[in-house]
Amino acid sequence: MRIVFATQNQNKLREVQALLGDNFQLVDLTQLNFHDDIPENQPTIRGNASEKAWFIYNKFGISCFADDTGLEIDALNGAPGVYSARYAGPGRDAHDNLLKVLSEMKDSKNRDARFKTILSLILDGKEFFFEGIVQGKILEREKGIDGFGYDPIFVPNGYEQTFAEMPLALKNEISHRGIAFKALNNYLKQNSIR
């Protein structure tokens, strides 16, 4: 089955294709010749996932899914949260976001945090949500070179490695995104979506 993933992030596309396996062939927005920004104007992660999925569904009239992910840090009152991808400001990159978090937490003893992913799937005009959460800690410095975003500073509970140090197969097994996409995968398979 081919299904549209409302993203232009090639790192995310590769990770999600590995999660879904051979049952589904992901089509990303560049394959639809769509290169514009997708609106993300909602105050919540769930709202952003929904807004992105509906935007693509309404524009192309095809079933699709979109995700939104946020890192919620207790010592920062849940920030960066819905602003995780643009925490350091517009035009800044993922590494700038990571450095801002480390700077803001430099004197913090409480390192508790969680990654949350919410998926919005729109099939024939009906919306379904899937969620994945993983608890962990924020390190004081970066470790690892794989992954993307905040992966080099996040260690999931029960592990010694950051997401950026883990093999992709392990990360996909335990991550917030992995949990959410496994739920999506199971739903699509159980409902014989073709």
C-alpha atoms as a PDB file:
ATOM      1  CA  MET A   1       0.000   0.000   0.000  1.00  0.00           C
ATOM      2  CA  ARG A   2       1.137   3.537  -0.789  1.00  0.00           C
ATOM      3  CA  ILE A   3       0.265   6.181   1.765  1.00  0.00           C
ATOM      4  CA  VAL A   4       1.166   9.862   1.926  1.00  0.00           C
ATOM      5  CA  PHE A   5       3.261  11.027   4.859  1.00  0.00           C
ATOM      6  CA  ALA A   6       2.865  14.789   5.196  1.00  0.00           C
ATOM      7  CA  THR A   7       6.540  15.599   5.672  1.00  0.00           C
ATOM      8  CA  GLN A   8       9.533  16.965   3.799  1.00  0.00           C
ATOM      9  CA  ASN A   9      11.985  15.806   6.486  1.00  0.00           C
ATOM     10  CA  GLN A  10      14.057  13.045   4.878  1.00  0.00           C
ATOM     11  CA  ASN A  11      15.485  11.881   8.234  1.00  0.00           C
ATOM     12  CA  LYS A  12      11.978  11.394   9.563  1.00  0.00           C
ATOM     13  CA  LEU A  13      10.863   9.713   6.328  1.00  0.00           C
ATOM     14  CA  ARG A  14      13.671   7.119   6.534  1.00  0.00           C
ATOM     15  CA  GLU A  15      12.980   6.438  10.203  1.00  0.00           C
ATOM     16  CA  VAL A  16       9.237   6.002   9.645  1.00  0.00           C
ATOM     17  CA  GLN A  17       9.709   3.811   6.552  1.00  0.00           C
ATOM     18  CA  ALA A  18      11.883   1.521   8.685  1.00  0.00           C
ATOM     19  CA  LEU A  19       9.141   1.455  11.329  1.00  0.00           C
ATOM     20  CA  LEU A  20       6.362   0.581   8.881  1.00  0.00           C
ATOM     21  CA  GLY A  21       8.427  -2.002   7.015  1.00  0.00           C
ATOM     22  CA  ASP A  22       7.515  -3.425   3.619  1.00  0.00           C
ATOM     23  CA  ASN A  23       3.751  -3.361   4.139  1.00  0.00           C
ATOM     24  CA  PHE A  24       3.557   0.311   3.169  1.00  0.00           C
ATOM     25  CA  GLN A  25       5.392   2.499   0.720  1.00  0.00           C
ATOM     26  CA  LEU A  26       5.565   6.047   1.997  1.00  0.00           C
ATOM     27  CA  VAL A  27       5.029   8.911  -0.394  1.00  0.00           C
ATOM     28  CA  ASP A  28       6.398  12.197   0.891  1.00  0.00           C
ATOM     29  CA  LEU A  29       5.467  15.710  -0.136  1.00  0.00           C
ATOM     30  CA  THR A  30       8.402  16.167  -2.496  1.00  0.00           C
ATOM     31  CA  GLN A  31       7.098  13.202  -4.521  1.00  0.00           C
ATOM     32  CA  LEU A  32       3.809  15.105  -4.817  1.00  0.00           C
ATOM     33  CA  ASN A  33       5.826  18.097  -6.063  1.00  0.00           C
ATOM     34  CA  PHE A  34       4.793  20.047  -2.970  1.00  0.00           C
ATOM     35  CA  HIS A  35       7.581  22.162  -1.513  1.00  0.00           C
ATOM     36  CA  ASP A  36       5.709  24.810   0.488  1.00  0.00           C
ATOM     37  CA  ASP A  37       5.555  25.002   4.257  1.00  0.00           C
ATOM     38  CA  ILE A  38       2.639  23.231   5.914  1.00  0.00           C
ATOM     39  CA  PRO A  39       0.821  25.324   8.527  1.00  0.00           C
ATOM     40  CA  GLU A  40       1.605  24.555  12.175  1.00  0.00           C
ATOM     41  CA  ASN A  41      -0.396  27.197  13.992  1.00  0.00           C
ATOM     42  CA  GLN A  42      -1.989  25.199  16.791  1.00  0.00           C
ATOM     43  CA  PRO A  43      -1.107  25.527  20.501  1.00  0.00           C
ATOM     44  CA  THR A  44      -0.782  21.755  21.007  1.00  0.00           C
ATOM     45  CA  ILE A  45       1.143  18.850  19.477  1.00  0.00           C
ATOM     46  CA  ARG A  46      -2.156  17.087  18.695  1.00  0.00           C
ATOM     47  CA  GLY A  47      -3.521  20.231  17.059  1.00  0.00           C
ATOM     48  CA  ASN A  48      -0.467  20.618  14.837  1.00  0.00           C
ATOM     49  CA  ALA A  49      -0.577  16.976  13.700  1.00  0.00           C
ATOM     50  CA  SER A  50      -4.251  17.368  12.824  1.00  0.00           C
ATOM     51  CA  GLU A  51      -3.770  20.698  11.040  1.00  0.00           C
ATOM     52  CA  LYS A  52      -0.956  19.294   8.870  1.00  0.00           C
ATOM     53  CA  ALA A  53      -2.887  16.146   7.927  1.00  0.00           C
ATOM     54  CA  TRP A  54      -6.086  18.038   7.039  1.00  0.00           C
ATOM     55  CA  PHE A  55      -4.110  20.585   5.025  1.00  0.00           C
ATOM     56  CA  ILE A  56      -2.620  17.872   2.793  1.00  0.00           C
ATOM     57  CA  TYR A  57      -5.866  15.877   2.630  1.00  0.00           C
ATOM     58  CA  ASN A  58      -7.827  18.961   1.551  1.00  0.00           C
ATOM     59  CA  LYS A  59      -5.185  20.035  -0.960  1.00  0.00           C
ATOM     60  CA  PHE A  60      -4.687  16.666  -2.690  1.00  0.00           C
ATOM     61  CA  GLY A  61      -7.833  14.731  -1.764  1.00  0.00           C
ATOM     62  CA  ILE A  62      -5.852  11.655  -0.743  1.00  0.00           C
ATOM     63  CA  SER A  63      -5.609   9.745   2.518  1.00  0.00           C
ATOM     64  CA  CYS A  64      -2.534  10.716   4.482  1.00  0.00           C
ATOM     65  CA  PHE A  65      -1.017  11.045   7.898  1.00  0.00           C
ATOM     66  CA  ALA A  66       1.024  13.691   9.666  1.00  0.00           C
ATOM     67  CA  ASP A  67       2.867  13.738  12.938  1.00  0.00           C
ATOM     68  CA  ASP A  68       4.002  16.295  15.411  1.00  0.00           C
ATOM     69  CA  THR A  69       6.549  15.676  18.129  1.00  0.00           C
ATOM     70  CA  GLY A  70       7.591  17.670  21.131  1.00  0.00           C
ATOM     71  CA  LEU A  71      10.171  17.395  23.879  1.00  0.00           C
ATOM     72  CA  GLU A  72       8.629  18.312  27.231  1.00  0.00           C
ATOM     73  CA  ILE A  73      11.108  19.139  30.000  1.00  0.00           C
ATOM     74  CA  ASP A  74       9.885  19.372  33.585  1.00  0.00           C
ATOM     75  CA  ALA A  75      12.463  21.975  34.664  1.00  0.00           C
ATOM     76  CA  LEU A  76      11.354  24.214  31.757  1.00  0.00           C
ATOM     77  CA  ASN A  77       7.641  23.872  32.613  1.00  0.00           C
ATOM     78  CA  GLY A  78       7.023  21.593  29.630  1.00  0.00           C
ATOM     79  CA  ALA A  79       9.051  23.634  27.127  1.00  0.00           C
ATOM     80  CA  PRO A  80      10.030  23.425  24.349  1.00  0.00           C
ATOM     81  CA  GLY A  81       6.874  21.332  23.792  1.00  0.00           C
ATOM     82  CA  VAL A  82       4.909  22.367  20.732  1.00  0.00           C
ATOM     83  CA  TYR A  83       7.755  24.752  19.812  1.00  0.00           C
ATOM     84  CA  SER A  84      10.443  22.030  19.788  1.00  0.00           C
ATOM     85  CA  ALA A  85      11.307  22.420  16.092  1.00  0.00           C
ATOM     86  CA  ARG A  86      11.662  26.211  16.316  1.00  0.00           C
ATOM     87  CA  TYR A  87      12.670  26.696  19.940  1.00  0.00           C
ATOM     88  CA  ALA A  88      15.735  28.824  19.144  1.00  0.00           C
ATOM     89  CA  GLY A  89      13.665  31.038  16.832  1.00  0.00           C
ATOM     90  CA  PRO A  90      12.714  31.171  13.157  1.00  0.00           C
ATOM     91  CA  GLY A  91      15.460  30.261  10.742  1.00  0.00           C
ATOM     92  CA  ARG A  92      17.455  28.441  13.412  1.00  0.00           C
ATOM     93  CA  ASP A  93      18.362  24.778  13.088  1.00  0.00           C
ATOM     94  CA  ALA A  94      17.961  21.696  15.270  1.00  0.00           C
ATOM     95  CA  HIS A  95      21.401  22.116  16.820  1.00  0.00           C
ATOM     96  CA  ASP A  96      20.569  25.685  17.868  1.00  0.00           C
ATOM     97  CA  ASN A  97      17.431  24.333  19.565  1.00  0.00           C
ATOM     98  CA  LEU A  98      19.465  21.708  21.413  1.00  0.00           C
ATOM     99  CA  LEU A  99      22.047  24.279  22.560  1.00  0.00           C
ATOM    100  CA  LYS A 100      19.291  26.562  23.851  1.00  0.00           C
ATOM    101  CA  VAL A 101      17.867  23.706  25.965  1.00  0.00           C
ATOM    102  CA  LEU A 102      21.322  22.898  27.390  1.00  0.00           C
ATOM    103  CA  SER A 103      21.898  26.558  28.186  1.00  0.00           C
ATOM    104  CA  GLU A 104      18.549  26.959  29.924  1.00  0.00           C
ATOM    105  CA  MET A 105      19.113  23.791  31.972  1.00  0.00           C
ATOM    106  CA  LYS A 106      22.749  24.379  32.954  1.00  0.00           C
ATOM    107  CA  ASP A 107      21.889  24.923  36.647  1.00  0.00           C
ATOM    108  CA  SER A 108      18.984  22.480  36.834  1.00  0.00           C
ATOM    109  CA  LYS A 109      19.138  19.361  39.000  1.00  0.00           C
ATOM    110  CA  ASN A 110      15.803  18.067  37.666  1.00  0.00           C
ATOM    111  CA  ARG A 111      16.608  16.510  34.267  1.00  0.00           C
ATOM    112  CA  ASP A 112      13.269  14.680  33.783  1.00  0.00           C
ATOM    113  CA  ALA A 113      11.735  14.948  30.332  1.00  0.00           C
ATOM    114  CA  ARG A 114       9.574  13.114  27.838  1.00  0.00           C
ATOM    115  CA  PHE A 115       9.257  12.909  24.083  1.00  0.00           C
ATOM    116  CA  LYS A 116       5.701  12.853  22.774  1.00  0.00           C
ATOM    117  CA  THR A 117       4.579  12.042  19.219  1.00  0.00           C
ATOM    118  CA  ILE A 118       1.003  12.321  18.039  1.00  0.00           C
ATOM    119  CA  LEU A 119      -0.120  11.095  14.624  1.00  0.00           C
ATOM    120  CA  SER A 120      -3.198  12.212  12.755  1.00  0.00           C
ATOM    121  CA  LEU A 121      -4.357   9.747  10.110  1.00  0.00           C
ATOM    122  CA  ILE A 122      -7.055  10.835   7.678  1.00  0.00           C
ATOM    123  CA  LEU A 123      -8.696   8.051   5.702  1.00  0.00           C
ATOM    124  CA  ASP A 124     -11.563   8.954   3.398  1.00  0.00           C
ATOM    125  CA  GLY A 125     -12.326  12.084   5.401  1.00  0.00           C
ATOM    126  CA  LYS A 126     -12.236  10.444   8.845  1.00  0.00           C
ATOM    127  CA  GLU A 127      -9.524  11.294  11.386  1.00  0.00           C
ATOM    128  CA  PHE A 128      -7.800   8.885  13.784  1.00  0.00           C
ATOM    129  CA  PHE A 129      -5.122   9.689  16.375  1.00  0.00           C
ATOM    130  CA  PHE A 130      -2.186   7.611  17.650  1.00  0.00           C
ATOM    131  CA  GLU A 131       0.194   8.608  20.454  1.00  0.00           C
ATOM    132  CA  GLY A 132       3.618   7.574  21.680  1.00  0.00           C
ATOM    133  CA  ILE A 133       5.396   8.825  24.816  1.00  0.00           C
ATOM    134  CA  VAL A 134       8.822   7.907  26.187  1.00  0.00           C
ATOM    135  CA  GLN A 135      10.143   9.166  29.533  1.00  0.00           C
ATOM    136  CA  GLY A 136      13.790   9.998  30.053  1.00  0.00           C
ATOM    137  CA  LYS A 137      16.456  12.464  31.164  1.00  0.00           C
ATOM    138  CA  ILE A 138      18.279  15.381  29.569  1.00  0.00           C
ATOM    139  CA  LEU A 139      22.072  15.128  29.694  1.00  0.00           C
ATOM    140  CA  GLU A 140      24.373  18.033  30.425  1.00  0.00           C
ATOM    141  CA  ARG A 141      26.174  17.601  27.099  1.00  0.00           C
ATOM    142  CA  GLU A 142      25.693  15.932  23.725  1.00  0.00           C
ATOM    143  CA  LYS A 143      26.531  12.260  23.189  1.00  0.00           C
ATOM    144  CA  GLY A 144      26.287  10.372  19.907  1.00  0.00           C
ATOM    145  CA  ILE A 145      26.190  11.306  16.233  1.00  0.00           C
ATOM    146  CA  ASP A 146      23.143   9.485  14.877  1.00  0.00           C
ATOM    147  CA  GLY A 147      19.510  10.493  15.021  1.00  0.00           C
ATOM    148  CA  PHE A 148      18.382  14.094  14.736  1.00  0.00           C
ATOM    149  CA  GLY A 149      16.876  16.926  16.752  1.00  0.00           C
ATOM    150  CA  TYR A 150      17.318  16.489  20.492  1.00  0.00           C
ATOM    151  CA  ASP A 151      18.458  12.845  20.216  1.00  0.00           C
ATOM    152  CA  PRO A 152      22.064  13.570  21.396  1.00  0.00           C
ATOM    153  CA  ILE A 153      20.882  14.881  24.801  1.00  0.00           C
ATOM    154  CA  PHE A 154      17.968  12.519  25.577  1.00  0.00           C
ATOM    155  CA  VAL A 155      18.474   9.222  27.424  1.00  0.00           C
ATOM    156  CA  PRO A 156      15.302   7.120  27.725  1.00  0.00           C
ATOM    157  CA  ASN A 157      14.578   5.623  31.141  1.00  0.00           C
ATOM    158  CA  GLY A 158      16.137   2.195  31.573  1.00  0.00           C
ATOM    159  CA  TYR A 159      18.973   2.855  29.105  1.00  0.00           C
ATOM    160  CA  GLU A 160      22.496   4.290  29.302  1.00  0.00           C
ATOM    161  CA  GLN A 161      22.663   5.569  25.706  1.00  0.00           C
ATOM    162  CA  THR A 162      21.133   8.634  24.132  1.00  0.00           C
ATOM    163  CA  PHE A 163      18.888   8.132  21.113  1.00  0.00           C
ATOM    164  CA  ALA A 164      21.838   9.442  19.042  1.00  0.00           C
ATOM    165  CA  GLU A 165      24.058   6.602  20.294  1.00  0.00           C
ATOM    166  CA  MET A 166      21.570   3.790  19.715  1.00  0.00           C
ATOM    167  CA  PRO A 167      21.322   1.624  16.636  1.00  0.00           C
ATOM    168  CA  LEU A 168      18.269   2.710  14.627  1.00  0.00           C
ATOM    169  CA  ALA A 169      16.537  -0.640  15.209  1.00  0.00           C
ATOM    170  CA  LEU A 170      16.688  -0.191  18.988  1.00  0.00           C
ATOM    171  CA  LYS A 171      15.627   3.444  18.843  1.00  0.00           C
ATOM    172  CA  ASN A 172      12.656   2.525  16.640  1.00  0.00           C
ATOM    173  CA  GLU A 173      11.673  -0.214  19.081  1.00  0.00           C
ATOM    174  CA  ILE A 174      11.448   2.044  22.143  1.00  0.00           C
ATOM    175  CA  SER A 175      11.020   5.627  20.929  1.00  0.00           C
ATOM    176  CA  HIS A 176       7.943   7.850  21.104  1.00  0.00           C
ATOM    177  CA  ARG A 177       7.780   7.827  17.318  1.00  0.00           C
ATOM    178  CA  GLY A 178       8.216   4.054  17.264  1.00  0.00           C
ATOM    179  CA  ILE A 179       5.336   3.543  19.704  1.00  0.00           C
ATOM    180  CA  ALA A 180       3.004   5.851  17.774  1.00  0.00           C
ATOM    181  CA  PHE A 181       3.861   4.361  14.377  1.00  0.00           C
ATOM    182  CA  LYS A 182       3.491   0.789  15.627  1.00  0.00           C
ATOM    183  CA  ALA A 183      -0.051   1.712  16.673  1.00  0.00           C
ATOM    184  CA  LEU A 184      -0.668   3.249  13.230  1.00  0.00           C
ATOM    185  CA  ASN A 185       0.808   0.203  11.487  1.00  0.00           C
ATOM    186  CA  ASN A 186      -1.374  -2.178  13.508  1.00  0.00           C
ATOM    187  CA  TYR A 187      -4.470  -0.123  12.747  1.00  0.00           C
ATOM    188  CA  LEU A 188      -3.793  -0.066   9.022  1.00  0.00           C
ATOM    189  CA  LYS A 189      -3.100  -3.810   8.917  1.00  0.00           C
ATOM    190  CA  GLN A 190      -6.112  -4.767  11.050  1.00  0.00           C
ATOM    191  CA  ASN A 191      -8.425  -2.696   8.908  1.00  0.00           C
ATOM    192  CA  SER A 192      -6.988  -4.068   5.657  1.00  0.00           C
ATOM    193  CA  ILE A 193      -6.286  -0.593   4.303  1.00  0.00           C
ATOM    194  CA  ARG A 194      -5.257  -0.859   0.655  1.00  0.00           C
END
